[in-house]
Amino acid sequence: MSKALNEKPNAEPLPVGASAGVILNGRYLPPPEDKDGQIWVRASALIHADADDLYRMWRDVEAAPLWQEQIKRVSRTGEATSHWVMRSGAKR
């Protein structure tokens, strides 16, 4: 691969003030709105890793704070239960 992944030679500039959108075939698509004007946002990421390693990481709920920044602590409380502490701004 000769070009960096963030280079988009055919992409249109993103609108200023856009909260979320999609680039499809080099064209900006604004986020969809439902009938009440709510904006729905989807995100995806391509992760280059072994599927078994990713599954083990996903199943280890106590390690979630390592890869999810808003999660501060997860403690197992039973076979199928856990206690999660999250932070969003000043809320906990």
N, C-alpha and C. Protein backbone atom coordinates (compact mmCIF):
# COMPACT_ATOMS: atom_id res chain seq x y z
N MET A 1 0.86 -1.17 0.00
CA MET A 1 0.00 0.00 0.00
C MET A 1 0.90 1.22 0.00
N SER A 2 0.81 2.03 -1.03
CA SER A 2 1.72 3.16 -1.18
C SER A 2 1.21 4.44 -0.52
N LYS A 3 -0.09 4.58 -0.33
CA LYS A 3 -0.65 5.80 0.26
C LYS A 3 -1.14 5.53 1.68
N ALA A 4 -1.06 6.55 2.49
CA ALA A 4 -1.57 6.43 3.86
C ALA A 4 -3.08 6.23 3.82
N LEU A 5 -3.60 5.55 4.83
CA LEU A 5 -5.03 5.26 4.86
C LEU A 5 -5.90 6.50 4.98
N ASN A 6 -5.34 7.61 5.50
CA ASN A 6 -6.17 8.79 5.68
C ASN A 6 -6.19 9.69 4.44
N GLU A 7 -5.49 9.33 3.39
CA GLU A 7 -5.53 10.11 2.16
C GLU A 7 -6.79 9.77 1.37
N LYS A 8 -7.51 10.80 0.96
CA LYS A 8 -8.75 10.61 0.19
C LYS A 8 -8.72 11.57 -0.98
N PRO A 9 -7.98 11.24 -2.04
CA PRO A 9 -7.80 12.19 -3.13
C PRO A 9 -9.09 12.57 -3.86
N ASN A 10 -10.12 11.76 -3.83
CA ASN A 10 -11.35 12.04 -4.56
C ASN A 10 -12.49 12.48 -3.66
N ALA A 11 -12.24 12.62 -2.36
CA ALA A 11 -13.31 12.95 -1.42
C ALA A 11 -13.60 14.44 -1.44
N GLU A 12 -14.88 14.77 -1.31
CA GLU A 12 -15.29 16.17 -1.18
C GLU A 12 -14.99 16.62 0.23
N PRO A 13 -14.73 17.90 0.44
CA PRO A 13 -14.52 18.37 1.81
C PRO A 13 -15.80 18.19 2.63
N LEU A 14 -15.63 17.86 3.91
CA LEU A 14 -16.79 17.69 4.77
C LEU A 14 -17.40 19.04 5.11
N PRO A 15 -18.72 19.11 5.24
CA PRO A 15 -19.35 20.37 5.62
C PRO A 15 -18.92 20.79 7.02
N VAL A 16 -18.76 22.08 7.23
CA VAL A 16 -18.40 22.59 8.54
C VAL A 16 -19.61 22.44 9.46
N GLY A 17 -19.37 21.98 10.68
CA GLY A 17 -20.44 21.86 11.66
C GLY A 17 -21.23 20.57 11.57
N ALA A 18 -20.84 19.67 10.70
CA ALA A 18 -21.55 18.39 10.60
C ALA A 18 -21.22 17.55 11.81
N SER A 19 -22.23 16.95 12.42
CA SER A 19 -21.98 16.13 13.60
C SER A 19 -21.59 14.71 13.24
N ALA A 20 -22.11 14.21 12.17
CA ALA A 20 -21.78 12.85 11.75
C ALA A 20 -22.22 12.69 10.31
N GLY A 21 -21.55 11.83 9.61
CA GLY A 21 -21.92 11.58 8.23
C GLY A 21 -21.15 10.39 7.71
N VAL A 22 -21.35 10.11 6.46
CA VAL A 22 -20.72 8.95 5.84
C VAL A 22 -20.08 9.40 4.54
N ILE A 23 -18.91 8.85 4.26
CA ILE A 23 -18.29 9.06 2.96
C ILE A 23 -18.52 7.78 2.17
N LEU A 24 -19.21 7.86 1.05
CA LEU A 24 -19.49 6.70 0.22
C LEU A 24 -19.04 7.02 -1.20
N ASN A 25 -18.11 6.22 -1.69
CA ASN A 25 -17.56 6.45 -3.03
C ASN A 25 -17.06 7.88 -3.19
N GLY A 26 -16.43 8.41 -2.12
CA GLY A 26 -15.85 9.74 -2.18
C GLY A 26 -16.84 10.88 -2.05
N ARG A 27 -18.09 10.58 -1.73
CA ARG A 27 -19.10 11.63 -1.60
C ARG A 27 -19.66 11.64 -0.19
N TYR A 28 -19.87 12.83 0.37
CA TYR A 28 -20.41 12.98 1.72
C TYR A 28 -21.92 12.74 1.72
N LEU A 29 -22.37 11.89 2.64
CA LEU A 29 -23.79 11.66 2.84
C LEU A 29 -24.13 12.12 4.26
N PRO A 30 -25.07 13.03 4.44
CA PRO A 30 -25.42 13.46 5.79
C PRO A 30 -26.06 12.32 6.57
N PRO A 31 -26.01 12.40 7.89
CA PRO A 31 -26.61 11.33 8.69
C PRO A 31 -28.12 11.28 8.47
N PRO A 32 -28.70 10.08 8.49
CA PRO A 32 -30.15 9.96 8.30
C PRO A 32 -30.91 10.47 9.51
N GLU A 33 -32.10 10.97 9.27
CA GLU A 33 -32.98 11.41 10.35
C GLU A 33 -34.26 10.58 10.31
N ASP A 34 -34.83 10.32 11.50
CA ASP A 34 -36.11 9.62 11.52
C ASP A 34 -37.25 10.64 11.45
N LYS A 35 -38.50 10.18 11.57
CA LYS A 35 -39.65 11.08 11.40
C LYS A 35 -39.71 12.18 12.46
N ASP A 36 -39.05 11.97 13.62
CA ASP A 36 -39.04 12.97 14.68
C ASP A 36 -37.84 13.90 14.60
N GLY A 37 -37.03 13.75 13.56
CA GLY A 37 -35.85 14.59 13.42
C GLY A 37 -34.64 14.09 14.19
N GLN A 38 -34.75 12.92 14.82
CA GLN A 38 -33.62 12.35 15.54
C GLN A 38 -32.58 11.87 14.53
N ILE A 39 -31.31 12.15 14.80
CA ILE A 39 -30.24 11.71 13.91
C ILE A 39 -29.70 10.38 14.43
N TRP A 40 -29.61 9.41 13.54
CA TRP A 40 -29.09 8.10 13.87
C TRP A 40 -27.69 7.97 13.28
N VAL A 41 -26.75 7.57 14.10
CA VAL A 41 -25.36 7.47 13.66
C VAL A 41 -24.90 6.04 13.81
N ARG A 42 -24.22 5.55 12.79
CA ARG A 42 -23.61 4.23 12.86
C ARG A 42 -22.12 4.40 12.66
N ALA A 43 -21.36 3.55 13.29
CA ALA A 43 -19.90 3.60 13.12
C ALA A 43 -19.39 2.19 12.91
N SER A 44 -18.32 2.07 12.21
CA SER A 44 -17.68 0.77 12.03
C SER A 44 -16.18 0.97 12.01
N ALA A 45 -15.48 -0.11 12.28
CA ALA A 45 -14.03 -0.08 12.27
C ALA A 45 -13.52 -1.41 11.73
N LEU A 46 -12.45 -1.34 11.00
CA LEU A 46 -11.81 -2.55 10.49
C LEU A 46 -10.64 -2.85 11.41
N ILE A 47 -10.67 -4.01 12.04
CA ILE A 47 -9.63 -4.39 13.01
C ILE A 47 -8.86 -5.56 12.45
N HIS A 48 -7.57 -5.38 12.30
CA HIS A 48 -6.71 -6.45 11.79
C HIS A 48 -6.17 -7.24 12.98
N ALA A 49 -6.87 -8.30 13.35
CA ALA A 49 -6.45 -9.14 14.47
C ALA A 49 -7.10 -10.51 14.31
N ASP A 50 -6.59 -11.47 15.02
CA ASP A 50 -7.13 -12.82 14.99
C ASP A 50 -8.52 -12.84 15.64
N ALA A 51 -9.48 -13.47 15.00
CA ALA A 51 -10.85 -13.52 15.50
C ALA A 51 -10.93 -14.15 16.89
N ASP A 52 -10.16 -15.20 17.14
CA ASP A 52 -10.19 -15.84 18.46
C ASP A 52 -9.68 -14.90 19.55
N ASP A 53 -8.62 -14.14 19.25
CA ASP A 53 -8.10 -13.18 20.22
C ASP A 53 -9.12 -12.09 20.51
N LEU A 54 -9.78 -11.61 19.46
CA LEU A 54 -10.80 -10.57 19.65
C LEU A 54 -11.98 -11.09 20.46
N TYR A 55 -12.39 -12.33 20.21
CA TYR A 55 -13.51 -12.91 20.96
C TYR A 55 -13.14 -13.04 22.44
N ARG A 56 -11.92 -13.51 22.73
CA ARG A 56 -11.49 -13.63 24.13
C ARG A 56 -11.47 -12.25 24.81
N MET A 57 -11.00 -11.24 24.10
CA MET A 57 -10.97 -9.89 24.66
C MET A 57 -12.40 -9.40 24.92
N TRP A 58 -13.32 -9.64 23.99
CA TRP A 58 -14.71 -9.21 24.14
C TRP A 58 -15.37 -9.89 25.32
N ARG A 59 -15.08 -11.17 25.53
CA ARG A 59 -15.71 -11.94 26.61
C ARG A 59 -15.14 -11.61 27.99
N ASP A 60 -13.96 -11.00 28.06
CA ASP A 60 -13.34 -10.62 29.34
C ASP A 60 -13.87 -9.25 29.74
N VAL A 61 -15.05 -9.23 30.38
CA VAL A 61 -15.70 -7.95 30.68
C VAL A 61 -14.87 -7.07 31.60
N GLU A 62 -14.07 -7.67 32.47
CA GLU A 62 -13.26 -6.87 33.39
C GLU A 62 -12.16 -6.10 32.66
N ALA A 63 -11.83 -6.51 31.44
CA ALA A 63 -10.82 -5.81 30.65
C ALA A 63 -11.43 -4.73 29.76
N ALA A 64 -12.73 -4.56 29.78
CA ALA A 64 -13.40 -3.59 28.92
C ALA A 64 -12.84 -2.17 29.07
N PRO A 65 -12.45 -1.71 30.26
CA PRO A 65 -11.89 -0.36 30.36
C PRO A 65 -10.61 -0.16 29.54
N LEU A 66 -9.94 -1.24 29.17
CA LEU A 66 -8.72 -1.12 28.38
C LEU A 66 -9.01 -0.67 26.94
N TRP A 67 -10.19 -0.98 26.42
CA TRP A 67 -10.51 -0.65 25.04
C TRP A 67 -11.76 0.20 24.87
N GLN A 68 -12.41 0.57 25.97
CA GLN A 68 -13.60 1.44 25.90
C GLN A 68 -13.39 2.57 26.89
N GLU A 69 -13.13 3.77 26.39
CA GLU A 69 -12.69 4.86 27.26
C GLU A 69 -13.72 5.34 28.28
N GLN A 70 -15.02 5.23 28.04
CA GLN A 70 -16.00 5.71 29.00
C GLN A 70 -16.24 4.71 30.14
N ILE A 71 -15.79 3.48 29.99
CA ILE A 71 -15.94 2.49 31.05
C ILE A 71 -14.76 2.63 32.00
N LYS A 72 -15.05 2.87 33.26
CA LYS A 72 -13.99 3.07 34.25
C LYS A 72 -13.63 1.79 34.99
N ARG A 73 -14.64 0.95 35.26
CA ARG A 73 -14.37 -0.29 36.02
C ARG A 73 -15.50 -1.28 35.79
N VAL A 74 -15.14 -2.56 35.68
CA VAL A 74 -16.13 -3.63 35.58
C VAL A 74 -15.71 -4.72 36.57
N SER A 75 -16.65 -5.14 37.40
CA SER A 75 -16.39 -6.20 38.38
C SER A 75 -17.41 -7.31 38.19
N ARG A 76 -16.93 -8.53 38.10
CA ARG A 76 -17.86 -9.67 38.02
C ARG A 76 -18.55 -9.82 39.37
N THR A 77 -19.87 -10.02 39.32
CA THR A 77 -20.64 -10.21 40.55
C THR A 77 -21.28 -11.58 40.61
N GLY A 78 -21.19 -12.33 39.53
CA GLY A 78 -21.76 -13.66 39.46
C GLY A 78 -21.40 -14.33 38.16
N GLU A 79 -21.95 -15.50 37.92
CA GLU A 79 -21.67 -16.27 36.70
C GLU A 79 -22.04 -15.50 35.44
N ALA A 80 -23.17 -14.81 35.48
CA ALA A 80 -23.64 -14.09 34.29
C ALA A 80 -23.97 -12.62 34.59
N THR A 81 -23.40 -12.07 35.67
CA THR A 81 -23.68 -10.69 36.03
C THR A 81 -22.39 -9.94 36.31
N SER A 82 -22.46 -8.63 36.20
CA SER A 82 -21.30 -7.79 36.49
C SER A 82 -21.77 -6.39 36.86
N HIS A 83 -20.91 -5.65 37.55
CA HIS A 83 -21.20 -4.27 37.94
C HIS A 83 -20.28 -3.36 37.11
N TRP A 84 -20.88 -2.40 36.39
CA TRP A 84 -20.13 -1.52 35.51
C TRP A 84 -20.17 -0.10 36.06
N VAL A 85 -19.03 0.58 36.05
CA VAL A 85 -18.94 1.99 36.40
C VAL A 85 -18.47 2.71 35.15
N MET A 86 -19.28 3.68 34.72
CA MET A 86 -18.96 4.43 33.49
C MET A 86 -18.93 5.91 33.81
N ARG A 87 -18.22 6.66 32.99
CA ARG A 87 -18.17 8.11 33.16
C ARG A 87 -18.43 8.76 31.81
N SER A 88 -19.30 9.75 31.83
CA SER A 88 -19.57 10.56 30.65
C SER A 88 -19.55 12.00 31.11
N GLY A 89 -18.50 12.71 30.81
CA GLY A 89 -18.35 14.08 31.33
C GLY A 89 -18.23 14.04 32.83
N ALA A 90 -19.09 14.76 33.53
CA ALA A 90 -19.06 14.78 34.99
C ALA A 90 -19.93 13.70 35.60
N LYS A 91 -20.72 12.99 34.79
CA LYS A 91 -21.62 11.95 35.31
C LYS A 91 -20.88 10.64 35.48
N ARG A 92 -21.26 9.92 36.54
CA ARG A 92 -20.68 8.60 36.81
C ARG A 92 -21.77 7.62 37.12
